[in-house]
Amino acid sequence: MNKQDIWQWLGPLARGWGAEDALRAQSAVLLWPATGFTSLARPLYVDRGVLHLAVASHVVAAELNLLKGKLLARLEEVAPQCGVVDLRFQVRSGEAPFHPILVPPPTAADLREARRELPPRLPRELRSVLAEVVAWAKARDRAILAAGGWRCQGCGLVLVEETGSCPVCGIERSAARR
């Protein structure tokens, strides 16, 4: 097998597929929080220069449509090479507004506990990576529960407060409280 550096062939392949251009086009989605409008609209995707945004109601969509020029100017400041020329608003009234939850990093004790829970025969490097993943997942679960989330009684999945039913097993939050 050729031990050639992976980027010698992966870079030209990605450029040939247009991956860099596709990522640049979607940069508006990644940089939308820097505009300061995340409480009103959540970015979905960019298609042919149009940024699609999810909003909670038709009223919000109408107001943002009136401010479209200012929103595009602000987006141009934040992401100058994104190429977005228009905005489309999709009303998704069933979705609760996005509330970010701060997840503190796991402690050394969390990592040790996660290592103990893993099978002992795993290779050391894999065991280390998996322990970190498990510790972060538990830290995320603790943060969600502390922010008012709930644990599904059927499957154990931890869900944010705004979620009314478990997407895995269908148990509703009110049934989980009983």
N, C-alpha and C. Protein backbone atom coordinates (compact mmCIF):
# COMPACT_ATOMS: atom_id res chain seq x y z
N MET A 1 0.85 -1.19 0.00
CA MET A 1 0.00 0.00 0.00
C MET A 1 0.88 1.24 0.00
N ASN A 2 0.48 2.21 -0.75
CA ASN A 2 1.23 3.45 -0.86
C ASN A 2 1.02 4.29 0.40
N LYS A 3 2.08 4.73 1.02
CA LYS A 3 1.99 5.50 2.27
C LYS A 3 2.03 7.00 1.98
N GLN A 4 1.54 7.39 0.84
CA GLN A 4 1.52 8.78 0.43
C GLN A 4 0.61 9.59 1.38
N ASP A 5 0.94 10.85 1.58
CA ASP A 5 0.14 11.72 2.44
C ASP A 5 -1.28 11.79 1.88
N ILE A 6 -2.27 11.60 2.77
CA ILE A 6 -3.68 11.54 2.34
C ILE A 6 -4.13 12.82 1.66
N TRP A 7 -3.59 13.98 2.08
CA TRP A 7 -4.03 15.24 1.51
C TRP A 7 -3.53 15.45 0.09
N GLN A 8 -2.53 14.69 -0.34
CA GLN A 8 -2.05 14.81 -1.71
C GLN A 8 -3.10 14.34 -2.71
N TRP A 9 -3.94 13.41 -2.31
CA TRP A 9 -5.00 12.96 -3.22
C TRP A 9 -6.39 13.38 -2.75
N LEU A 10 -6.59 13.59 -1.45
CA LEU A 10 -7.91 13.96 -0.96
C LEU A 10 -8.25 15.41 -1.31
N GLY A 11 -7.27 16.31 -1.24
CA GLY A 11 -7.52 17.72 -1.58
C GLY A 11 -8.01 17.90 -3.01
N PRO A 12 -7.27 17.38 -4.02
CA PRO A 12 -7.75 17.51 -5.41
C PRO A 12 -9.10 16.81 -5.64
N LEU A 13 -9.33 15.69 -4.95
CA LEU A 13 -10.60 14.99 -5.09
C LEU A 13 -11.75 15.86 -4.57
N ALA A 14 -11.55 16.49 -3.40
CA ALA A 14 -12.59 17.36 -2.83
C ALA A 14 -12.84 18.56 -3.74
N ARG A 15 -11.78 19.13 -4.29
CA ARG A 15 -11.95 20.26 -5.21
C ARG A 15 -12.70 19.81 -6.47
N GLY A 16 -12.39 18.60 -6.96
CA GLY A 16 -13.06 18.07 -8.14
C GLY A 16 -14.55 17.87 -7.92
N TRP A 17 -14.92 17.50 -6.72
CA TRP A 17 -16.34 17.30 -6.38
C TRP A 17 -17.03 18.61 -6.03
N GLY A 18 -16.27 19.69 -5.89
CA GLY A 18 -16.86 20.97 -5.53
C GLY A 18 -17.17 21.09 -4.05
N ALA A 19 -16.50 20.31 -3.22
CA ALA A 19 -16.78 20.31 -1.78
C ALA A 19 -16.45 21.66 -1.14
N GLU A 20 -15.38 22.30 -1.57
CA GLU A 20 -15.02 23.59 -0.99
C GLU A 20 -16.09 24.64 -1.28
N ASP A 21 -16.60 24.65 -2.52
CA ASP A 21 -17.64 25.61 -2.88
C ASP A 21 -18.94 25.33 -2.12
N ALA A 22 -19.27 24.04 -1.96
CA ALA A 22 -20.48 23.68 -1.22
C ALA A 22 -20.37 24.10 0.24
N LEU A 23 -19.21 23.90 0.83
CA LEU A 23 -19.01 24.31 2.22
C LEU A 23 -19.06 25.83 2.35
N ARG A 24 -18.47 26.53 1.41
CA ARG A 24 -18.49 28.00 1.43
C ARG A 24 -19.94 28.50 1.32
N ALA A 25 -20.73 27.84 0.48
CA ALA A 25 -22.13 28.24 0.31
C ALA A 25 -22.91 28.04 1.61
N GLN A 26 -22.61 26.98 2.35
CA GLN A 26 -23.32 26.70 3.60
C GLN A 26 -22.74 27.47 4.79
N SER A 27 -21.70 28.27 4.57
CA SER A 27 -21.10 29.01 5.68
C SER A 27 -22.09 29.99 6.31
N ALA A 28 -23.08 30.43 5.54
CA ALA A 28 -24.10 31.33 6.10
C ALA A 28 -24.87 30.62 7.20
N VAL A 29 -25.10 29.32 7.04
CA VAL A 29 -25.80 28.55 8.08
C VAL A 29 -24.95 28.48 9.33
N LEU A 30 -23.67 28.22 9.15
CA LEU A 30 -22.77 28.09 10.29
C LEU A 30 -22.54 29.41 11.00
N LEU A 31 -22.54 30.52 10.26
CA LEU A 31 -22.24 31.82 10.85
C LEU A 31 -23.48 32.64 11.20
N TRP A 32 -24.67 32.12 10.99
CA TRP A 32 -25.90 32.85 11.29
C TRP A 32 -25.96 33.34 12.74
N PRO A 33 -25.53 32.54 13.75
CA PRO A 33 -25.59 33.04 15.13
C PRO A 33 -24.86 34.36 15.34
N ALA A 34 -23.84 34.64 14.56
CA ALA A 34 -23.09 35.89 14.71
C ALA A 34 -23.90 37.11 14.25
N THR A 35 -25.00 36.90 13.53
CA THR A 35 -25.82 38.03 13.10
C THR A 35 -26.64 38.60 14.25
N GLY A 36 -26.89 37.79 15.28
CA GLY A 36 -27.68 38.25 16.41
C GLY A 36 -29.17 38.01 16.26
N PHE A 37 -29.59 37.25 15.26
CA PHE A 37 -31.01 37.01 15.02
C PHE A 37 -31.43 35.57 15.31
N THR A 38 -30.65 34.83 16.08
CA THR A 38 -30.97 33.42 16.33
C THR A 38 -32.24 33.25 17.15
N SER A 39 -32.62 34.26 17.92
CA SER A 39 -33.85 34.14 18.70
C SER A 39 -35.09 34.24 17.80
N LEU A 40 -34.94 34.80 16.62
CA LEU A 40 -36.08 34.97 15.71
C LEU A 40 -36.12 33.94 14.59
N ALA A 41 -34.95 33.51 14.13
CA ALA A 41 -34.91 32.60 12.98
C ALA A 41 -33.74 31.63 13.13
N ARG A 42 -34.01 30.38 12.73
CA ARG A 42 -32.98 29.34 12.79
C ARG A 42 -32.60 28.97 11.36
N PRO A 43 -31.29 29.00 11.03
CA PRO A 43 -30.89 28.68 9.66
C PRO A 43 -31.08 27.20 9.36
N LEU A 44 -31.54 26.92 8.14
CA LEU A 44 -31.74 25.54 7.72
C LEU A 44 -30.69 25.11 6.70
N TYR A 45 -30.66 25.80 5.56
CA TYR A 45 -29.71 25.46 4.49
C TYR A 45 -29.67 26.59 3.48
N VAL A 46 -28.67 26.55 2.60
CA VAL A 46 -28.55 27.50 1.50
C VAL A 46 -28.73 26.72 0.20
N ASP A 47 -29.59 27.23 -0.67
CA ASP A 47 -29.82 26.60 -1.96
C ASP A 47 -29.83 27.68 -3.04
N ARG A 48 -28.87 27.63 -3.95
CA ARG A 48 -28.74 28.58 -5.07
C ARG A 48 -28.74 30.03 -4.59
N GLY A 49 -27.99 30.29 -3.53
CA GLY A 49 -27.85 31.65 -3.03
C GLY A 49 -28.99 32.13 -2.14
N VAL A 50 -29.91 31.24 -1.81
CA VAL A 50 -31.05 31.59 -0.95
C VAL A 50 -30.89 30.87 0.38
N LEU A 51 -30.83 31.66 1.46
CA LEU A 51 -30.74 31.10 2.80
C LEU A 51 -32.15 30.85 3.31
N HIS A 52 -32.45 29.59 3.62
CA HIS A 52 -33.76 29.22 4.15
C HIS A 52 -33.69 29.24 5.67
N LEU A 53 -34.66 29.95 6.28
CA LEU A 53 -34.69 30.14 7.72
C LEU A 53 -36.01 29.65 8.29
N ALA A 54 -35.96 28.96 9.43
CA ALA A 54 -37.17 28.53 10.12
C ALA A 54 -37.56 29.60 11.12
N VAL A 55 -38.83 29.98 11.10
CA VAL A 55 -39.35 30.96 12.04
C VAL A 55 -40.57 30.37 12.75
N ALA A 56 -40.94 30.97 13.89
CA ALA A 56 -42.00 30.41 14.72
C ALA A 56 -43.40 30.76 14.24
N SER A 57 -43.57 31.86 13.51
CA SER A 57 -44.92 32.26 13.10
C SER A 57 -44.88 33.08 11.82
N HIS A 58 -46.07 33.28 11.26
CA HIS A 58 -46.18 34.11 10.06
C HIS A 58 -45.88 35.57 10.38
N VAL A 59 -46.17 35.98 11.60
CA VAL A 59 -45.89 37.37 12.00
C VAL A 59 -44.38 37.62 11.97
N VAL A 60 -43.62 36.69 12.54
CA VAL A 60 -42.16 36.82 12.55
C VAL A 60 -41.64 36.81 11.11
N ALA A 61 -42.18 35.92 10.28
CA ALA A 61 -41.76 35.85 8.88
C ALA A 61 -42.03 37.18 8.17
N ALA A 62 -43.19 37.77 8.41
CA ALA A 62 -43.52 39.04 7.76
C ALA A 62 -42.60 40.16 8.24
N GLU A 63 -42.35 40.22 9.54
CA GLU A 63 -41.46 41.26 10.07
C GLU A 63 -40.05 41.12 9.51
N LEU A 64 -39.54 39.90 9.50
CA LEU A 64 -38.18 39.68 8.98
C LEU A 64 -38.12 39.93 7.48
N ASN A 65 -39.22 39.66 6.79
CA ASN A 65 -39.25 39.94 5.35
C ASN A 65 -39.13 41.44 5.10
N LEU A 66 -39.73 42.26 5.98
CA LEU A 66 -39.59 43.70 5.86
C LEU A 66 -38.16 44.16 6.13
N LEU A 67 -37.45 43.40 6.96
CA LEU A 67 -36.06 43.74 7.31
C LEU A 67 -35.04 42.97 6.48
N LYS A 68 -35.49 42.36 5.40
CA LYS A 68 -34.62 41.49 4.61
C LYS A 68 -33.33 42.18 4.16
N GLY A 69 -33.42 43.43 3.73
CA GLY A 69 -32.23 44.16 3.29
C GLY A 69 -31.20 44.30 4.40
N LYS A 70 -31.69 44.65 5.59
CA LYS A 70 -30.78 44.78 6.74
C LYS A 70 -30.20 43.43 7.15
N LEU A 71 -31.02 42.38 7.09
CA LEU A 71 -30.53 41.04 7.43
C LEU A 71 -29.44 40.59 6.46
N LEU A 72 -29.67 40.84 5.18
CA LEU A 72 -28.67 40.46 4.17
C LEU A 72 -27.38 41.27 4.35
N ALA A 73 -27.51 42.54 4.70
CA ALA A 73 -26.33 43.37 4.92
C ALA A 73 -25.55 42.86 6.14
N ARG A 74 -26.26 42.51 7.19
CA ARG A 74 -25.60 41.98 8.39
C ARG A 74 -24.93 40.64 8.09
N LEU A 75 -25.60 39.80 7.32
CA LEU A 75 -25.01 38.52 6.94
C LEU A 75 -23.77 38.71 6.08
N GLU A 76 -23.78 39.72 5.23
CA GLU A 76 -22.61 40.02 4.39
C GLU A 76 -21.44 40.47 5.25
N GLU A 77 -21.72 41.19 6.34
CA GLU A 77 -20.65 41.59 7.27
C GLU A 77 -20.04 40.37 7.95
N VAL A 78 -20.90 39.46 8.36
CA VAL A 78 -20.46 38.29 9.13
C VAL A 78 -19.80 37.24 8.23
N ALA A 79 -20.42 36.98 7.09
CA ALA A 79 -19.93 35.94 6.16
C ALA A 79 -19.82 36.54 4.77
N PRO A 80 -18.75 37.29 4.51
CA PRO A 80 -18.66 38.03 3.24
C PRO A 80 -18.61 37.17 1.98
N GLN A 81 -18.15 35.94 2.07
CA GLN A 81 -18.03 35.12 0.87
C GLN A 81 -19.08 34.03 0.78
N CYS A 82 -20.17 34.16 1.52
CA CYS A 82 -21.18 33.10 1.52
C CYS A 82 -22.03 33.10 0.25
N GLY A 83 -22.18 34.25 -0.39
CA GLY A 83 -22.92 34.31 -1.64
C GLY A 83 -24.43 34.32 -1.50
N VAL A 84 -24.95 34.58 -0.30
CA VAL A 84 -26.40 34.62 -0.10
C VAL A 84 -26.95 35.92 -0.66
N VAL A 85 -27.96 35.80 -1.54
CA VAL A 85 -28.55 36.98 -2.16
C VAL A 85 -30.02 37.16 -1.77
N ASP A 86 -30.61 36.16 -1.13
CA ASP A 86 -32.01 36.26 -0.75
C ASP A 86 -32.27 35.39 0.48
N LEU A 87 -33.38 35.66 1.15
CA LEU A 87 -33.80 34.90 2.32
C LEU A 87 -35.20 34.36 2.09
N ARG A 88 -35.45 33.15 2.52
CA ARG A 88 -36.79 32.55 2.49
C ARG A 88 -37.12 32.10 3.89
N PHE A 89 -38.34 32.38 4.33
CA PHE A 89 -38.74 32.04 5.68
C PHE A 89 -39.75 30.90 5.64
N GLN A 90 -39.50 29.89 6.44
CA GLN A 90 -40.40 28.75 6.55
C GLN A 90 -40.99 28.74 7.95
N VAL A 91 -42.30 28.82 8.03
CA VAL A 91 -42.96 28.82 9.33
C VAL A 91 -43.00 27.39 9.84
N ARG A 92 -42.45 27.21 11.00
CA ARG A 92 -42.45 25.91 11.66
C ARG A 92 -42.97 26.12 13.08
N SER A 93 -44.28 26.30 13.15
CA SER A 93 -44.90 26.67 14.42
C SER A 93 -44.85 25.55 15.44
N GLY A 94 -44.70 24.32 15.01
CA GLY A 94 -44.65 23.20 15.95
C GLY A 94 -43.35 23.14 16.71
N GLU A 95 -42.34 23.83 16.24
CA GLU A 95 -41.04 23.79 16.90
C GLU A 95 -40.95 24.84 17.99
N ALA A 96 -40.38 24.45 19.09
CA ALA A 96 -40.15 25.40 20.17
C ALA A 96 -38.93 26.25 19.82
N PRO A 97 -38.86 27.47 20.33
CA PRO A 97 -37.68 28.29 20.06
C PRO A 97 -36.41 27.64 20.59
N PHE A 98 -35.34 27.90 19.91
CA PHE A 98 -34.06 27.32 20.26
C PHE A 98 -33.48 28.01 21.50
N HIS A 99 -33.18 27.22 22.50
CA HIS A 99 -32.55 27.75 23.71
C HIS A 99 -31.26 26.97 23.94
N PRO A 100 -30.11 27.59 23.70
CA PRO A 100 -28.85 26.86 23.87
C PRO A 100 -28.64 26.47 25.34
N ILE A 101 -28.10 25.30 25.53
CA ILE A 101 -27.79 24.79 26.87
C ILE A 101 -26.28 24.66 26.96
N LEU A 102 -25.70 25.31 27.95
CA LEU A 102 -24.27 25.26 28.16
C LEU A 102 -23.90 23.92 28.80
N VAL A 103 -23.00 23.19 28.16
CA VAL A 103 -22.56 21.90 28.67
C VAL A 103 -21.14 22.05 29.20
N PRO A 104 -20.97 21.95 30.53
CA PRO A 104 -19.62 22.04 31.08
C PRO A 104 -18.82 20.80 30.71
N PRO A 105 -17.52 20.93 30.50
CA PRO A 105 -16.71 19.76 30.14
C PRO A 105 -16.70 18.74 31.27
N PRO A 106 -16.56 17.46 30.91
CA PRO A 106 -16.52 16.43 31.95
C PRO A 106 -15.26 16.56 32.80
N THR A 107 -15.37 16.17 34.05
CA THR A 107 -14.24 16.22 34.97
C THR A 107 -13.38 14.97 34.80
N ALA A 108 -12.23 14.97 35.45
CA ALA A 108 -11.35 13.79 35.42
C ALA A 108 -12.06 12.60 36.04
N ALA A 109 -12.86 12.83 37.08
CA ALA A 109 -13.62 11.74 37.71
C ALA A 109 -14.64 11.16 36.73
N ASP A 110 -15.27 12.03 35.92
CA ASP A 110 -16.22 11.56 34.91
C ASP A 110 -15.52 10.66 33.89
N LEU A 111 -14.31 11.06 33.47
CA LEU A 111 -13.55 10.25 32.51
C LEU A 111 -13.16 8.90 33.10
N ARG A 112 -12.74 8.91 34.36
CA ARG A 112 -12.39 7.63 35.01
C ARG A 112 -13.60 6.71 35.09
N GLU A 113 -14.75 7.26 35.48
CA GLU A 113 -15.96 6.45 35.57
C GLU A 113 -16.35 5.89 34.20
N ALA A 114 -16.23 6.71 33.16
CA ALA A 114 -16.56 6.26 31.81
C ALA A 114 -15.62 5.14 31.38
N ARG A 115 -14.34 5.23 31.71
CA ARG A 115 -13.38 4.16 31.37
C ARG A 115 -13.76 2.86 32.06
N ARG A 116 -14.20 2.95 33.31
CA ARG A 116 -14.59 1.74 34.06
C ARG A 116 -15.80 1.05 33.44
N GLU A 117 -16.67 1.82 32.81
CA GLU A 117 -17.89 1.25 32.22
C GLU A 117 -17.64 0.55 30.88
N LEU A 118 -16.50 0.81 30.26
CA LEU A 118 -16.21 0.23 28.96
C LEU A 118 -15.65 -1.18 29.10
N PRO A 119 -15.84 -2.02 28.07
CA PRO A 119 -15.26 -3.37 28.11
C PRO A 119 -13.74 -3.30 28.24
N PRO A 120 -13.14 -4.17 29.07
CA PRO A 120 -11.71 -4.08 29.33
C PRO A 120 -10.81 -4.49 28.16
N ARG A 121 -11.31 -5.20 27.20
CA ARG A 121 -10.46 -5.72 26.12
C ARG A 121 -10.31 -4.78 24.93
N LEU A 122 -10.85 -3.59 25.01
CA LEU A 122 -10.70 -2.63 23.92
C LEU A 122 -9.26 -2.15 23.83
N PRO A 123 -8.77 -1.85 22.63
CA PRO A 123 -7.43 -1.25 22.50
C PRO A 123 -7.38 0.06 23.28
N ARG A 124 -6.22 0.38 23.82
CA ARG A 124 -6.06 1.53 24.70
C ARG A 124 -6.49 2.85 24.06
N GLU A 125 -6.09 3.07 22.79
CA GLU A 125 -6.44 4.32 22.13
C GLU A 125 -7.95 4.44 21.93
N LEU A 126 -8.57 3.35 21.49
CA LEU A 126 -10.01 3.33 21.28
C LEU A 126 -10.74 3.52 22.61
N ARG A 127 -10.26 2.87 23.64
CA ARG A 127 -10.85 2.98 24.97
C ARG A 127 -10.80 4.43 25.46
N SER A 128 -9.70 5.11 25.21
CA SER A 128 -9.54 6.50 25.63
C SER A 128 -10.53 7.41 24.91
N VAL A 129 -10.66 7.23 23.60
CA VAL A 129 -11.58 8.05 22.81
C VAL A 129 -13.02 7.78 23.22
N LEU A 130 -13.38 6.51 23.36
CA LEU A 130 -14.74 6.17 23.74
C LEU A 130 -15.08 6.68 25.14
N ALA A 131 -14.12 6.63 26.05
CA ALA A 131 -14.35 7.14 27.40
C ALA A 131 -14.66 8.63 27.36
N GLU A 132 -13.95 9.36 26.52
CA GLU A 132 -14.21 10.80 26.39
C GLU A 132 -15.60 11.06 25.81
N VAL A 133 -15.99 10.26 24.81
CA VAL A 133 -17.31 10.41 24.20
C VAL A 133 -18.40 10.13 25.24
N VAL A 134 -18.24 9.05 26.01
CA VAL A 134 -19.22 8.70 27.04
C VAL A 134 -19.30 9.80 28.10
N ALA A 135 -18.15 10.31 28.53
CA ALA A 135 -18.13 11.36 29.55
C ALA A 135 -18.82 12.63 29.06
N TRP A 136 -18.57 13.00 27.80
CA TRP A 136 -19.24 14.19 27.25
C TRP A 136 -20.74 13.95 27.12
N ALA A 137 -21.15 12.76 26.72
CA ALA A 137 -22.58 12.46 26.60
C ALA A 137 -23.27 12.56 27.96
N LYS A 138 -22.62 12.05 29.00
CA LYS A 138 -23.20 12.15 30.34
C LYS A 138 -23.24 13.59 30.82
N ALA A 139 -22.22 14.37 30.50
CA ALA A 139 -22.21 15.79 30.86
C ALA A 139 -23.34 16.52 30.14
N ARG A 140 -23.56 16.17 28.87
CA ARG A 140 -24.67 16.77 28.12
C ARG A 140 -26.01 16.41 28.75
N ASP A 141 -26.17 15.15 29.12
CA ASP A 141 -27.42 14.71 29.75
C ASP A 141 -27.66 15.46 31.06
N ARG A 142 -26.61 15.61 31.88
CA ARG A 142 -26.76 16.34 33.15
C ARG A 142 -27.17 17.79 32.90
N ALA A 143 -26.57 18.42 31.89
CA ALA A 143 -26.89 19.81 31.59
C ALA A 143 -28.33 19.95 31.10
N ILE A 144 -28.79 19.03 30.28
CA ILE A 144 -30.17 19.07 29.79
C ILE A 144 -31.15 18.87 30.94
N LEU A 145 -30.87 17.91 31.80
CA LEU A 145 -31.75 17.67 32.95
C LEU A 145 -31.77 18.87 33.89
N ALA A 146 -30.61 19.50 34.10
CA ALA A 146 -30.54 20.68 34.97
C ALA A 146 -31.30 21.86 34.38
N ALA A 147 -31.43 21.90 33.04
CA ALA A 147 -32.14 22.99 32.38
C ALA A 147 -33.63 22.70 32.23
N GLY A 148 -34.13 21.66 32.90
CA GLY A 148 -35.56 21.35 32.85
C GLY A 148 -35.92 20.22 31.92
N GLY A 149 -34.94 19.54 31.35
CA GLY A 149 -35.21 18.43 30.46
C GLY A 149 -35.76 17.23 31.21
N TRP A 150 -35.99 16.15 30.50
CA TRP A 150 -36.55 14.95 31.12
C TRP A 150 -35.97 13.70 30.48
N ARG A 151 -36.01 12.60 31.24
CA ARG A 151 -35.50 11.32 30.76
C ARG A 151 -36.69 10.43 30.42
N CYS A 152 -36.70 9.87 29.22
CA CYS A 152 -37.76 8.98 28.79
C CYS A 152 -37.71 7.70 29.63
N GLN A 153 -38.83 7.32 30.18
CA GLN A 153 -38.90 6.11 31.02
C GLN A 153 -38.79 4.84 30.18
N GLY A 154 -39.11 4.95 28.90
CA GLY A 154 -39.08 3.77 28.05
C GLY A 154 -37.68 3.40 27.57
N CYS A 155 -36.94 4.39 27.08
CA CYS A 155 -35.64 4.08 26.47
C CYS A 155 -34.47 4.75 27.18
N GLY A 156 -34.75 5.71 28.08
CA GLY A 156 -33.68 6.37 28.83
C GLY A 156 -33.07 7.57 28.14
N LEU A 157 -33.57 7.93 26.95
CA LEU A 157 -33.05 9.08 26.23
C LEU A 157 -33.37 10.36 26.99
N VAL A 158 -32.40 11.28 27.08
CA VAL A 158 -32.61 12.55 27.75
C VAL A 158 -33.02 13.58 26.70
N LEU A 159 -34.15 14.25 26.96
CA LEU A 159 -34.73 15.19 26.00
C LEU A 159 -34.87 16.57 26.61
N VAL A 160 -34.81 17.59 25.77
CA VAL A 160 -34.96 18.96 26.24
C VAL A 160 -36.41 19.20 26.66
N GLU A 161 -36.60 20.22 27.46
CA GLU A 161 -37.90 20.52 28.05
C GLU A 161 -38.99 20.70 26.99
N GLU A 162 -38.65 21.33 25.87
CA GLU A 162 -39.65 21.65 24.84
C GLU A 162 -40.15 20.43 24.09
N THR A 163 -39.46 19.30 24.17
CA THR A 163 -39.86 18.10 23.46
C THR A 163 -41.01 17.43 24.20
N GLY A 164 -42.12 17.25 23.51
CA GLY A 164 -43.31 16.70 24.15
C GLY A 164 -43.35 15.19 24.23
N SER A 165 -42.67 14.53 23.27
CA SER A 165 -42.66 13.07 23.28
C SER A 165 -41.32 12.55 22.79
N CYS A 166 -41.00 11.36 23.20
CA CYS A 166 -39.72 10.75 22.83
C CYS A 166 -39.76 10.34 21.36
N PRO A 167 -38.78 10.76 20.55
CA PRO A 167 -38.79 10.38 19.13
C PRO A 167 -38.42 8.91 18.91
N VAL A 168 -37.86 8.25 19.92
CA VAL A 168 -37.45 6.85 19.77
C VAL A 168 -38.61 5.90 20.06
N CYS A 169 -39.25 6.08 21.23
CA CYS A 169 -40.28 5.12 21.61
C CYS A 169 -41.68 5.73 21.67
N GLY A 170 -41.82 7.04 21.50
CA GLY A 170 -43.13 7.67 21.43
C GLY A 170 -43.79 7.98 22.75
N ILE A 171 -43.14 7.73 23.87
CA ILE A 171 -43.74 8.02 25.17
C ILE A 171 -43.80 9.53 25.35
N GLU A 172 -44.97 10.03 25.75
CA GLU A 172 -45.14 11.46 25.97
C GLU A 172 -44.56 11.86 27.31
N ARG A 173 -44.17 13.12 27.40
CA ARG A 173 -43.55 13.61 28.63
C ARG A 173 -44.51 13.47 29.82
N SER A 174 -45.77 13.76 29.62
CA SER A 174 -46.72 13.66 30.73
C SER A 174 -46.83 12.23 31.24
N ALA A 175 -46.73 11.24 30.34
CA ALA A 175 -46.76 9.84 30.76
C ALA A 175 -45.49 9.45 31.47
N ALA A 176 -44.39 10.10 31.12
CA ALA A 176 -43.10 9.79 31.75
C ALA A 176 -43.05 10.30 33.18
N ARG A 177 -43.85 11.32 33.51
CA ARG A 177 -43.83 11.90 34.85
C ARG A 177 -44.58 11.04 35.87
N ARG A 178 -45.50 10.20 35.42
CA ARG A 178 -46.32 9.40 36.32
C ARG A 178 -45.54 8.41 37.12
